[in-house]
Amino acid sequence: MQEAVCGSCTMLINGHVRQACSALVDKLLEEESAEIELRPTSSFPVVRDLVVDRRRLFRALEKVRAWISVDGCHDLGPGPRQSPKEQEEAYPLSQCMSCGCCLEACP
C-alpha cells in the first residue's frame, strides 16, 4: 500500500470513487464481483487512459490562496483566533489532498 496522500491515482473502481493506491484487490473482489472495472473520474478532462488533468482544481486553489507558505522562515505572527467549535469544523478541511474525490462523489 502506498501513502495515499497525493490523490493522483483517484479513479472510479467498480463504479466507486477511490484512491487506487489504497484499494486492495482481494477486498474489491470479495465486495463486488470477479472483475474489477477501472474508469477515469468524470470531473476532469481525460489526458490518457486513467490520467485526468486536475489543473482546474489547482488553479481554483491558487485563486483563493488555499495553502500555507513554507518557503523560507517567516514569522507570520499569531493566526486568527478560533473557538474550539470552529477548530473542530475546520479540521476536516485541512486534511484535503486535492484529489477531486469530492467532486466525483457529489452530484
PDB file of N, CA and C in Angstrom:
ATOM      1  N   MET A   1       0.848  -1.182   0.000  1.00  0.00           N
ATOM      2  CA  MET A   1       0.000   0.000   0.000  1.00  0.00           C
ATOM      3  C   MET A   1       0.885   1.234   0.000  1.00  0.00           C
ATOM      4  N   GLN A   2       0.451   2.255  -0.727  1.00  0.00           N
ATOM      5  CA  GLN A   2       1.206   3.494  -0.823  1.00  0.00           C
ATOM      6  C   GLN A   2       0.797   4.452   0.290  1.00  0.00           C
ATOM      7  N   GLU A   3       1.183   5.685   0.164  1.00  0.00           N
ATOM      8  CA  GLU A   3       0.942   6.699   1.178  1.00  0.00           C
ATOM      9  C   GLU A   3      -0.485   7.234   1.187  1.00  0.00           C
ATOM     10  N   ALA A   4      -1.141   7.270   0.031  1.00  0.00           N
ATOM     11  CA  ALA A   4      -2.484   7.833  -0.102  1.00  0.00           C
ATOM     12  C   ALA A   4      -2.521   9.293   0.341  1.00  0.00           C
ATOM     13  N   VAL A   5      -1.575  10.090  -0.181  1.00  0.00           N
ATOM     14  CA  VAL A   5      -1.522  11.492   0.198  1.00  0.00           C
ATOM     15  C   VAL A   5      -1.549  12.464  -0.977  1.00  0.00           C
ATOM     16  N   CYS A   6      -1.437  11.973  -2.219  1.00  0.00           N
ATOM     17  CA  CYS A   6      -1.341  12.925  -3.336  1.00  0.00           C
ATOM     18  C   CYS A   6      -2.616  12.994  -4.172  1.00  0.00           C
ATOM     19  N   GLY A   7      -3.371  11.926  -4.244  1.00  0.00           N
ATOM     20  CA  GLY A   7      -4.615  11.943  -4.998  1.00  0.00           C
ATOM     21  C   GLY A   7      -4.478  11.707  -6.477  1.00  0.00           C
ATOM     22  N   SER A   8      -3.259  11.531  -6.985  1.00  0.00           N
ATOM     23  CA  SER A   8      -3.081  11.381  -8.429  1.00  0.00           C
ATOM     24  C   SER A   8      -3.661  10.080  -8.971  1.00  0.00           C
ATOM     25  N   CYS A   9      -3.907   9.110  -8.115  1.00  0.00           N
ATOM     26  CA  CYS A   9      -4.451   7.828  -8.589  1.00  0.00           C
ATOM     27  C   CYS A   9      -5.962   7.732  -8.365  1.00  0.00           C
ATOM     28  N   THR A  10      -6.623   8.855  -8.121  1.00  0.00           N
ATOM     29  CA  THR A  10      -8.073   8.853  -7.929  1.00  0.00           C
ATOM     30  C   THR A  10      -8.751   8.378  -9.205  1.00  0.00           C
ATOM     31  N   MET A  11      -9.635   7.417  -9.070  1.00  0.00           N
ATOM     32  CA  MET A  11     -10.369   6.896 -10.227  1.00  0.00           C
ATOM     33  C   MET A  11     -11.630   6.214  -9.754  1.00  0.00           C
ATOM     34  N   LEU A  12     -12.446   5.811 -10.706  1.00  0.00           N
ATOM     35  CA  LEU A  12     -13.641   5.034 -10.399  1.00  0.00           C
ATOM     36  C   LEU A  12     -13.261   3.561 -10.468  1.00  0.00           C
ATOM     37  N   ILE A  13     -13.407   2.886  -9.364  1.00  0.00           N
ATOM     38  CA  ILE A  13     -13.118   1.461  -9.297  1.00  0.00           C
ATOM     39  C   ILE A  13     -14.431   0.758  -8.990  1.00  0.00           C
ATOM     40  N   ASN A  14     -14.882  -0.036  -9.934  1.00  0.00           N
ATOM     41  CA  ASN A  14     -16.186  -0.699  -9.826  1.00  0.00           C
ATOM     42  C   ASN A  14     -17.296   0.306  -9.508  1.00  0.00           C
ATOM     43  N   GLY A  15     -17.205   1.467 -10.138  1.00  0.00           N
ATOM     44  CA  GLY A  15     -18.251   2.476 -10.001  1.00  0.00           C
ATOM     45  C   GLY A  15     -18.152   3.357  -8.777  1.00  0.00           C
ATOM     46  N   HIS A  16     -17.153   3.148  -7.928  1.00  0.00           N
ATOM     47  CA  HIS A  16     -16.982   3.947  -6.713  1.00  0.00           C
ATOM     48  C   HIS A  16     -15.696   4.752  -6.813  1.00  0.00           C
ATOM     49  N   VAL A  17     -15.771   6.038  -6.447  1.00  0.00           N
ATOM     50  CA  VAL A  17     -14.569   6.867  -6.488  1.00  0.00           C
ATOM     51  C   VAL A  17     -13.693   6.499  -5.296  1.00  0.00           C
ATOM     52  N   ARG A  18     -12.396   6.266  -5.577  1.00  0.00           N
ATOM     53  CA  ARG A  18     -11.450   5.939  -4.517  1.00  0.00           C
ATOM     54  C   ARG A  18     -10.025   6.086  -5.016  1.00  0.00           C
ATOM     55  N   GLN A  19      -9.095   5.994  -4.092  1.00  0.00           N
ATOM     56  CA  GLN A  19      -7.675   6.047  -4.410  1.00  0.00           C
ATOM     57  C   GLN A  19      -7.218   4.635  -4.779  1.00  0.00           C
ATOM     58  N   ALA A  20      -6.675   4.488  -5.971  1.00  0.00           N
ATOM     59  CA  ALA A  20      -6.237   3.163  -6.421  1.00  0.00           C
ATOM     60  C   ALA A  20      -5.109   2.625  -5.556  1.00  0.00           C
ATOM     61  N   CYS A  21      -4.241   3.500  -5.053  1.00  0.00           N
ATOM     62  CA  CYS A  21      -3.091   3.021  -4.277  1.00  0.00           C
ATOM     63  C   CYS A  21      -3.507   2.376  -2.964  1.00  0.00           C
ATOM     64  N   SER A  22      -4.678   2.692  -2.474  1.00  0.00           N
ATOM     65  CA  SER A  22      -5.109   2.096  -1.205  1.00  0.00           C
ATOM     66  C   SER A  22      -6.258   1.097  -1.386  1.00  0.00           C
ATOM     67  N   ALA A  23      -6.641   0.834  -2.620  1.00  0.00           N
ATOM     68  CA  ALA A  23      -7.698  -0.151  -2.890  1.00  0.00           C
ATOM     69  C   ALA A  23      -7.066  -1.543  -2.957  1.00  0.00           C
ATOM     70  N   LEU A  24      -7.451  -2.396  -2.070  1.00  0.00           N
ATOM     71  CA  LEU A  24      -6.898  -3.744  -2.026  1.00  0.00           C
ATOM     72  C   LEU A  24      -7.686  -4.667  -2.960  1.00  0.00           C
ATOM     73  N   VAL A  25      -6.996  -5.285  -3.872  1.00  0.00           N
ATOM     74  CA  VAL A  25      -7.633  -6.118  -4.890  1.00  0.00           C
ATOM     75  C   VAL A  25      -8.431  -7.253  -4.258  1.00  0.00           C
ATOM     76  N   ASP A  26      -7.875  -7.917  -3.265  1.00  0.00           N
ATOM     77  CA  ASP A  26      -8.593  -9.019  -2.622  1.00  0.00           C
ATOM     78  C   ASP A  26      -9.939  -8.562  -2.066  1.00  0.00           C
ATOM     79  N   LYS A  27      -9.945  -7.401  -1.417  1.00  0.00           N
ATOM     80  CA  LYS A  27     -11.197  -6.892  -0.838  1.00  0.00           C
ATOM     81  C   LYS A  27     -12.179  -6.473  -1.931  1.00  0.00           C
ATOM     82  N   LEU A  28     -11.668  -5.880  -3.013  1.00  0.00           N
ATOM     83  CA  LEU A  28     -12.546  -5.490  -4.115  1.00  0.00           C
ATOM     84  C   LEU A  28     -13.237  -6.705  -4.712  1.00  0.00           C
ATOM     85  N   LEU A  29     -12.508  -7.774  -4.868  1.00  0.00           N
ATOM     86  CA  LEU A  29     -13.090  -8.990  -5.443  1.00  0.00           C
ATOM     87  C   LEU A  29     -14.095  -9.626  -4.495  1.00  0.00           C
ATOM     88  N   GLU A  30     -13.875  -9.501  -3.195  1.00  0.00           N
ATOM     89  CA  GLU A  30     -14.833 -10.027  -2.209  1.00  0.00           C
ATOM     90  C   GLU A  30     -16.119  -9.208  -2.224  1.00  0.00           C
ATOM     91  N   GLU A  31     -15.969  -7.871  -2.255  1.00  0.00           N
ATOM     92  CA  GLU A  31     -17.120  -6.969  -2.171  1.00  0.00           C
ATOM     93  C   GLU A  31     -17.967  -6.966  -3.423  1.00  0.00           C
ATOM     94  N   GLU A  32     -17.347  -6.980  -4.552  1.00  0.00           N
ATOM     95  CA  GLU A  32     -18.059  -6.711  -5.796  1.00  0.00           C
ATOM     96  C   GLU A  32     -18.327  -7.987  -6.600  1.00  0.00           C
ATOM     97  N   SER A  33     -17.446  -8.268  -7.519  1.00  0.00           N
ATOM     98  CA  SER A  33     -17.627  -9.417  -8.398  1.00  0.00           C
ATOM     99  C   SER A  33     -16.262  -9.991  -8.739  1.00  0.00           C
ATOM    100  N   ALA A  34     -16.212 -10.845  -9.730  1.00  0.00           N
ATOM    101  CA  ALA A  34     -14.950 -11.455 -10.125  1.00  0.00           C
ATOM    102  C   ALA A  34     -14.144 -10.542 -11.042  1.00  0.00           C
ATOM    103  N   GLU A  35     -14.662  -9.366 -11.344  1.00  0.00           N
ATOM    104  CA  GLU A  35     -13.963  -8.430 -12.208  1.00  0.00           C
ATOM    105  C   GLU A  35     -13.784  -7.096 -11.509  1.00  0.00           C
ATOM    106  N   ILE A  36     -12.762  -6.375 -11.920  1.00  0.00           N
ATOM    107  CA  ILE A  36     -12.529  -5.028 -11.408  1.00  0.00           C
ATOM    108  C   ILE A  36     -12.543  -4.085 -12.608  1.00  0.00           C
ATOM    109  N   GLU A  37     -13.443  -3.100 -12.568  1.00  0.00           N
ATOM    110  CA  GLU A  37     -13.557  -2.133 -13.657  1.00  0.00           C
ATOM    111  C   GLU A  37     -12.911  -0.816 -13.223  1.00  0.00           C
ATOM    112  N   LEU A  38     -11.984  -0.317 -14.025  1.00  0.00           N
ATOM    113  CA  LEU A  38     -11.312   0.953 -13.763  1.00  0.00           C
ATOM    114  C   LEU A  38     -11.755   1.969 -14.797  1.00  0.00           C
ATOM    115  N   ARG A  39     -12.120   3.160 -14.319  1.00  0.00           N
ATOM    116  CA  ARG A  39     -12.508   4.250 -15.213  1.00  0.00           C
ATOM    117  C   ARG A  39     -11.916   5.549 -14.673  1.00  0.00           C
ATOM    118  N   PRO A  40     -11.615   6.491 -15.563  1.00  0.00           N
ATOM    119  CA  PRO A  40     -11.151   7.799 -15.072  1.00  0.00           C
ATOM    120  C   PRO A  40     -12.322   8.542 -14.433  1.00  0.00           C
ATOM    121  N   THR A  41     -12.013   9.478 -13.566  1.00  0.00           N
ATOM    122  CA  THR A  41     -13.083  10.287 -12.986  1.00  0.00           C
ATOM    123  C   THR A  41     -13.676  11.175 -14.080  1.00  0.00           C
ATOM    124  N   SER A  42     -14.918  11.543 -13.916  1.00  0.00           N
ATOM    125  CA  SER A  42     -15.594  12.335 -14.949  1.00  0.00           C
ATOM    126  C   SER A  42     -15.545  13.834 -14.663  1.00  0.00           C
ATOM    127  N   SER A  43     -14.992  14.234 -13.516  1.00  0.00           N
ATOM    128  CA  SER A  43     -14.964  15.645 -13.132  1.00  0.00           C
ATOM    129  C   SER A  43     -13.883  16.450 -13.835  1.00  0.00           C
ATOM    130  N   PHE A  44     -12.897  15.762 -14.412  1.00  0.00           N
ATOM    131  CA  PHE A  44     -11.775  16.433 -15.057  1.00  0.00           C
ATOM    132  C   PHE A  44     -11.571  15.854 -16.448  1.00  0.00           C
ATOM    133  N   PRO A  45     -10.956  16.629 -17.348  1.00  0.00           N
ATOM    134  CA  PRO A  45     -10.686  16.108 -18.694  1.00  0.00           C
ATOM    135  C   PRO A  45      -9.679  14.949 -18.642  1.00  0.00           C
ATOM    136  N   VAL A  46      -9.927  13.950 -19.467  1.00  0.00           N
ATOM    137  CA  VAL A  46      -9.021  12.801 -19.528  1.00  0.00           C
ATOM    138  C   VAL A  46      -7.813  13.166 -20.386  1.00  0.00           C
ATOM    139  N   VAL A  47      -6.623  12.923 -19.849  1.00  0.00           N
ATOM    140  CA  VAL A  47      -5.385  13.147 -20.584  1.00  0.00           C
ATOM    141  C   VAL A  47      -5.059  11.905 -21.396  1.00  0.00           C
ATOM    142  N   ARG A  48      -5.090  10.767 -20.732  1.00  0.00           N
ATOM    143  CA  ARG A  48      -4.803   9.498 -21.392  1.00  0.00           C
ATOM    144  C   ARG A  48      -5.180   8.362 -20.447  1.00  0.00           C
ATOM    145  N   ASP A  49      -5.817   7.366 -20.971  1.00  0.00           N
ATOM    146  CA  ASP A  49      -6.203   6.182 -20.204  1.00  0.00           C
ATOM    147  C   ASP A  49      -6.934   6.591 -18.923  1.00  0.00           C
ATOM    148  N   LEU A  50      -6.292   6.429 -17.759  1.00  0.00           N
ATOM    149  CA  LEU A  50      -6.921   6.768 -16.484  1.00  0.00           C
ATOM    150  C   LEU A  50      -6.413   8.083 -15.900  1.00  0.00           C
ATOM    151  N   VAL A  51      -5.555   8.775 -16.620  1.00  0.00           N
ATOM    152  CA  VAL A  51      -4.958  10.020 -16.137  1.00  0.00           C
ATOM    153  C   VAL A  51      -5.861  11.195 -16.486  1.00  0.00           C
ATOM    154  N   VAL A  52      -6.175  12.006 -15.481  1.00  0.00           N
ATOM    155  CA  VAL A  52      -7.002  13.191 -15.712  1.00  0.00           C
ATOM    156  C   VAL A  52      -6.194  14.454 -15.409  1.00  0.00           C
ATOM    157  N   ASP A  53      -6.641  15.560 -15.968  1.00  0.00           N
ATOM    158  CA  ASP A  53      -5.988  16.848 -15.789  1.00  0.00           C
ATOM    159  C   ASP A  53      -6.675  17.593 -14.655  1.00  0.00           C
ATOM    160  N   ARG A  54      -6.020  17.694 -13.499  1.00  0.00           N
ATOM    161  CA  ARG A  54      -6.608  18.353 -12.329  1.00  0.00           C
ATOM    162  C   ARG A  54      -6.207  19.820 -12.216  1.00  0.00           C
ATOM    163  N   ARG A  55      -5.641  20.395 -13.289  1.00  0.00           N
ATOM    164  CA  ARG A  55      -5.195  21.791 -13.219  1.00  0.00           C
ATOM    165  C   ARG A  55      -6.311  22.753 -12.844  1.00  0.00           C
ATOM    166  N   ARG A  56      -7.533  22.478 -13.278  1.00  0.00           N
ATOM    167  CA  ARG A  56      -8.673  23.357 -12.936  1.00  0.00           C
ATOM    168  C   ARG A  56      -8.810  23.472 -11.417  1.00  0.00           C
ATOM    169  N   LEU A  57      -8.668  22.352 -10.732  1.00  0.00           N
ATOM    170  CA  LEU A  57      -8.764  22.333  -9.268  1.00  0.00           C
ATOM    171  C   LEU A  57      -7.621  23.136  -8.656  1.00  0.00           C
ATOM    172  N   PHE A  58      -6.406  22.938  -9.150  1.00  0.00           N
ATOM    173  CA  PHE A  58      -5.252  23.636  -8.589  1.00  0.00           C
ATOM    174  C   PHE A  58      -5.314  25.137  -8.868  1.00  0.00           C
ATOM    175  N   ARG A  59      -5.814  25.532 -10.036  1.00  0.00           N
ATOM    176  CA  ARG A  59      -5.965  26.961 -10.337  1.00  0.00           C
ATOM    177  C   ARG A  59      -6.962  27.607  -9.376  1.00  0.00           C
ATOM    178  N   ALA A  60      -8.039  26.906  -9.068  1.00  0.00           N
ATOM    179  CA  ALA A  60      -9.029  27.436  -8.123  1.00  0.00           C
ATOM    180  C   ALA A  60      -8.413  27.597  -6.734  1.00  0.00           C
ATOM    181  N   LEU A  61      -7.592  26.636  -6.323  1.00  0.00           N
ATOM    182  CA  LEU A  61      -6.926  26.737  -5.021  1.00  0.00           C
ATOM    183  C   LEU A  61      -5.939  27.906  -5.002  1.00  0.00           C
ATOM    184  N   GLU A  62      -5.258  28.134  -6.124  1.00  0.00           N
ATOM    185  CA  GLU A  62      -4.333  29.269  -6.212  1.00  0.00           C
ATOM    186  C   GLU A  62      -5.079  30.590  -6.084  1.00  0.00           C
ATOM    187  N   LYS A  63      -6.265  30.681  -6.698  1.00  0.00           N
ATOM    188  CA  LYS A  63      -7.038  31.924  -6.644  1.00  0.00           C
ATOM    189  C   LYS A  63      -7.366  32.318  -5.215  1.00  0.00           C
ATOM    190  N   VAL A  64      -7.703  31.346  -4.392  1.00  0.00           N
ATOM    191  CA  VAL A  64      -8.081  31.654  -3.008  1.00  0.00           C
ATOM    192  C   VAL A  64      -6.911  31.501  -2.040  1.00  0.00           C
ATOM    193  N   ARG A  65      -5.720  31.257  -2.595  1.00  0.00           N
ATOM    194  CA  ARG A  65      -4.508  31.086  -1.788  1.00  0.00           C
ATOM    195  C   ARG A  65      -4.744  30.066  -0.671  1.00  0.00           C
ATOM    196  N   ALA A  66      -5.190  28.899  -1.046  1.00  0.00           N
ATOM    197  CA  ALA A  66      -5.565  27.844  -0.094  1.00  0.00           C
ATOM    198  C   ALA A  66      -4.360  26.996   0.291  1.00  0.00           C
ATOM    199  N   TRP A  67      -3.347  27.638   0.829  1.00  0.00           N
ATOM    200  CA  TRP A  67      -2.174  26.913   1.302  1.00  0.00           C
ATOM    201  C   TRP A  67      -1.436  27.781   2.310  1.00  0.00           C
ATOM    202  N   ILE A  68      -0.512  27.160   2.995  1.00  0.00           N
ATOM    203  CA  ILE A  68       0.348  27.869   3.930  1.00  0.00           C
ATOM    204  C   ILE A  68       1.739  27.872   3.321  1.00  0.00           C
ATOM    205  N   SER A  69       2.309  29.035   3.164  1.00  0.00           N
ATOM    206  CA  SER A  69       3.622  29.143   2.557  1.00  0.00           C
ATOM    207  C   SER A  69       4.672  28.516   3.476  1.00  0.00           C
ATOM    208  N   VAL A  70       5.506  27.656   2.921  1.00  0.00           N
ATOM    209  CA  VAL A  70       6.559  27.019   3.713  1.00  0.00           C
ATOM    210  C   VAL A  70       7.935  27.400   3.187  1.00  0.00           C
ATOM    211  N   ASP A  71       7.974  28.255   2.177  1.00  0.00           N
ATOM    212  CA  ASP A  71       9.258  28.705   1.647  1.00  0.00           C
ATOM    213  C   ASP A  71       9.869  29.709   2.609  1.00  0.00           C
ATOM    214  N   GLY A  72      11.086  29.477   3.004  1.00  0.00           N
ATOM    215  CA  GLY A  72      11.768  30.388   3.908  1.00  0.00           C
ATOM    216  C   GLY A  72      11.307  30.205   5.336  1.00  0.00           C
ATOM    217  N   CYS A  73      11.718  31.112   6.158  1.00  0.00           N
ATOM    218  CA  CYS A  73      11.379  31.045   7.584  1.00  0.00           C
ATOM    219  C   CYS A  73      10.732  32.380   7.947  1.00  0.00           C
ATOM    220  N   HIS A  74       9.438  32.462   7.800  1.00  0.00           N
ATOM    221  CA  HIS A  74       8.728  33.717   8.002  1.00  0.00           C
ATOM    222  C   HIS A  74       7.972  33.686   9.325  1.00  0.00           C
ATOM    223  N   ASP A  75       8.068  34.773  10.048  1.00  0.00           N
ATOM    224  CA  ASP A  75       7.258  34.908  11.252  1.00  0.00           C
ATOM    225  C   ASP A  75       5.989  35.631  10.838  1.00  0.00           C
ATOM    226  N   LEU A  76       4.933  34.872  10.673  1.00  0.00           N
ATOM    227  CA  LEU A  76       3.669  35.455  10.232  1.00  0.00           C
ATOM    228  C   LEU A  76       2.816  35.944  11.398  1.00  0.00           C
ATOM    229  N   GLY A  77       3.341  35.787  12.598  1.00  0.00           N
ATOM    230  CA  GLY A  77       2.596  36.218  13.766  1.00  0.00           C
ATOM    231  C   GLY A  77       1.497  35.225  14.101  1.00  0.00           C
ATOM    232  N   PRO A  78       0.743  35.527  15.125  1.00  0.00           N
ATOM    233  CA  PRO A  78      -0.319  34.597  15.518  1.00  0.00           C
ATOM    234  C   PRO A  78      -1.428  34.578  14.472  1.00  0.00           C
ATOM    235  N   GLY A  79      -2.001  33.439  14.285  1.00  0.00           N
ATOM    236  CA  GLY A  79      -3.119  33.298  13.363  1.00  0.00           C
ATOM    237  C   GLY A  79      -4.386  33.844  13.987  1.00  0.00           C
ATOM    238  N   PRO A  80      -5.470  33.847  13.227  1.00  0.00           N
ATOM    239  CA  PRO A  80      -6.738  34.340  13.778  1.00  0.00           C
ATOM    240  C   PRO A  80      -7.225  33.418  14.896  1.00  0.00           C
ATOM    241  N   ARG A  81      -7.851  34.008  15.864  1.00  0.00           N
ATOM    242  CA  ARG A  81      -8.390  33.223  16.981  1.00  0.00           C
ATOM    243  C   ARG A  81      -9.602  32.430  16.504  1.00  0.00           C
ATOM    244  N   GLN A  82      -9.669  31.187  16.952  1.00  0.00           N
ATOM    245  CA  GLN A  82     -10.803  30.327  16.631  1.00  0.00           C
ATOM    246  C   GLN A  82     -11.285  29.652  17.907  1.00  0.00           C
ATOM    247  N   SER A  83     -12.575  29.549  17.995  1.00  0.00           N
ATOM    248  CA  SER A  83     -13.146  28.828  19.133  1.00  0.00           C
ATOM    249  C   SER A  83     -12.912  27.332  18.917  1.00  0.00           C
ATOM    250  N   PRO A  84     -12.994  26.538  19.975  1.00  0.00           N
ATOM    251  CA  PRO A  84     -12.857  25.087  19.804  1.00  0.00           C
ATOM    252  C   PRO A  84     -13.861  24.521  18.789  1.00  0.00           C
ATOM    253  N   LYS A  85     -15.074  25.088  18.752  1.00  0.00           N
ATOM    254  CA  LYS A  85     -16.078  24.627  17.789  1.00  0.00           C
ATOM    255  C   LYS A  85     -15.626  24.930  16.354  1.00  0.00           C
ATOM    256  N   GLU A  86     -15.099  26.140  16.116  1.00  0.00           N
ATOM    257  CA  GLU A  86     -14.595  26.497  14.786  1.00  0.00           C
ATOM    258  C   GLU A  86     -13.421  25.611  14.381  1.00  0.00           C
ATOM    259  N   GLN A  87     -12.541  25.310  15.337  1.00  0.00           N
ATOM    260  CA  GLN A  87     -11.412  24.423  15.064  1.00  0.00           C
ATOM    261  C   GLN A  87     -11.901  23.037  14.652  1.00  0.00           C
ATOM    262  N   GLU A  88     -12.890  22.563  15.356  1.00  0.00           N
ATOM    263  CA  GLU A  88     -13.441  21.230  15.072  1.00  0.00           C
ATOM    264  C   GLU A  88     -14.069  21.189  13.677  1.00  0.00           C
ATOM    265  N   GLU A  89     -14.745  22.262  13.293  1.00  0.00           N
ATOM    266  CA  GLU A  89     -15.365  22.319  11.968  1.00  0.00           C
ATOM    267  C   GLU A  89     -14.316  22.435  10.856  1.00  0.00           C
ATOM    268  N   ALA A  90     -13.219  23.148  11.117  1.00  0.00           N
ATOM    269  CA  ALA A  90     -12.212  23.400  10.090  1.00  0.00           C
ATOM    270  C   ALA A  90     -11.240  22.237   9.917  1.00  0.00           C
ATOM    271  N   TYR A  91     -11.057  21.420  10.936  1.00  0.00           N
ATOM    272  CA  TYR A  91     -10.046  20.362  10.866  1.00  0.00           C
ATOM    273  C   TYR A  91     -10.229  19.411   9.681  1.00  0.00           C
ATOM    274  N   PRO A  92     -11.439  18.900   9.401  1.00  0.00           N
ATOM    275  CA  PRO A  92     -11.576  18.010   8.240  1.00  0.00           C
ATOM    276  C   PRO A  92     -11.147  18.670   6.935  1.00  0.00           C
ATOM    277  N   LEU A  93     -11.358  19.983   6.805  1.00  0.00           N
ATOM    278  CA  LEU A  93     -10.953  20.690   5.587  1.00  0.00           C
ATOM    279  C   LEU A  93      -9.438  20.723   5.441  1.00  0.00           C
ATOM    280  N   SER A  94      -8.718  20.698   6.549  1.00  0.00           N
ATOM    281  CA  SER A  94      -7.259  20.740   6.492  1.00  0.00           C
ATOM    282  C   SER A  94      -6.671  19.421   6.001  1.00  0.00           C
ATOM    283  N   GLN A  95      -7.464  18.384   5.968  1.00  0.00           N
ATOM    284  CA  GLN A  95      -6.980  17.075   5.534  1.00  0.00           C
ATOM    285  C   GLN A  95      -7.156  16.850   4.033  1.00  0.00           C
ATOM    286  N   CYS A  96      -7.696  17.823   3.341  1.00  0.00           N
ATOM    287  CA  CYS A  96      -7.917  17.697   1.904  1.00  0.00           C
ATOM    288  C   CYS A  96      -6.593  17.558   1.169  1.00  0.00           C
ATOM    289  N   MET A  97      -6.497  16.585   0.252  1.00  0.00           N
ATOM    290  CA  MET A  97      -5.274  16.407  -0.531  1.00  0.00           C
ATOM    291  C   MET A  97      -5.509  16.780  -2.000  1.00  0.00           C
ATOM    292  N   SER A  98      -6.604  17.455  -2.281  1.00  0.00           N
ATOM    293  CA  SER A  98      -6.916  17.939  -3.623  1.00  0.00           C
ATOM    294  C   SER A  98      -6.961  16.821  -4.655  1.00  0.00           C
ATOM    295  N   CYS A  99      -7.577  15.712  -4.275  1.00  0.00           N
ATOM    296  CA  CYS A  99      -7.658  14.566  -5.178  1.00  0.00           C
ATOM    297  C   CYS A  99      -8.847  14.661  -6.127  1.00  0.00           C
ATOM    298  N   GLY A 100      -9.888  15.375  -5.729  1.00  0.00           N
ATOM    299  CA  GLY A 100     -11.071  15.510  -6.555  1.00  0.00           C
ATOM    300  C   GLY A 100     -12.147  14.475  -6.270  1.00  0.00           C
ATOM    301  N   CYS A 101     -11.935  13.620  -5.277  1.00  0.00           N
ATOM    302  CA  CYS A 101     -12.960  12.618  -4.938  1.00  0.00           C
ATOM    303  C   CYS A 101     -14.293  13.274  -4.617  1.00  0.00           C
ATOM    304  N   CYS A 102     -14.239  14.398  -3.914  1.00  0.00           N
ATOM    305  CA  CYS A 102     -15.485  15.061  -3.520  1.00  0.00           C
ATOM    306  C   CYS A 102     -16.264  15.545  -4.746  1.00  0.00           C
ATOM    307  N   LEU A 103     -15.540  15.999  -5.765  1.00  0.00           N
ATOM    308  CA  LEU A 103     -16.200  16.461  -6.988  1.00  0.00           C
ATOM    309  C   LEU A 103     -16.874  15.315  -7.730  1.00  0.00           C
ATOM    310  N   GLU A 104     -16.288  14.159  -7.633  1.00  0.00           N
ATOM    311  CA  GLU A 104     -16.847  12.980  -8.301  1.00  0.00           C
ATOM    312  C   GLU A 104     -18.012  12.394  -7.506  1.00  0.00           C
ATOM    313  N   ALA A 105     -17.925  12.468  -6.185  1.00  0.00           N
ATOM    314  CA  ALA A 105     -18.937  11.837  -5.326  1.00  0.00           C
ATOM    315  C   ALA A 105     -20.229  12.645  -5.248  1.00  0.00           C
ATOM    316  N   CYS A 106     -20.125  13.971  -5.342  1.00  0.00           N
ATOM    317  CA  CYS A 106     -21.321  14.806  -5.249  1.00  0.00           C
ATOM    318  C   CYS A 106     -21.943  15.006  -6.624  1.00  0.00           C
ATOM    319  N   PRO A 107     -23.275  14.950  -6.688  1.00  0.00           N
ATOM    320  CA  PRO A 107     -23.939  15.153  -7.996  1.00  0.00           C
ATOM    321  C   PRO A 107     -23.815  16.584  -8.472  1.00  0.00           C
TER     322      PRO A 107
END
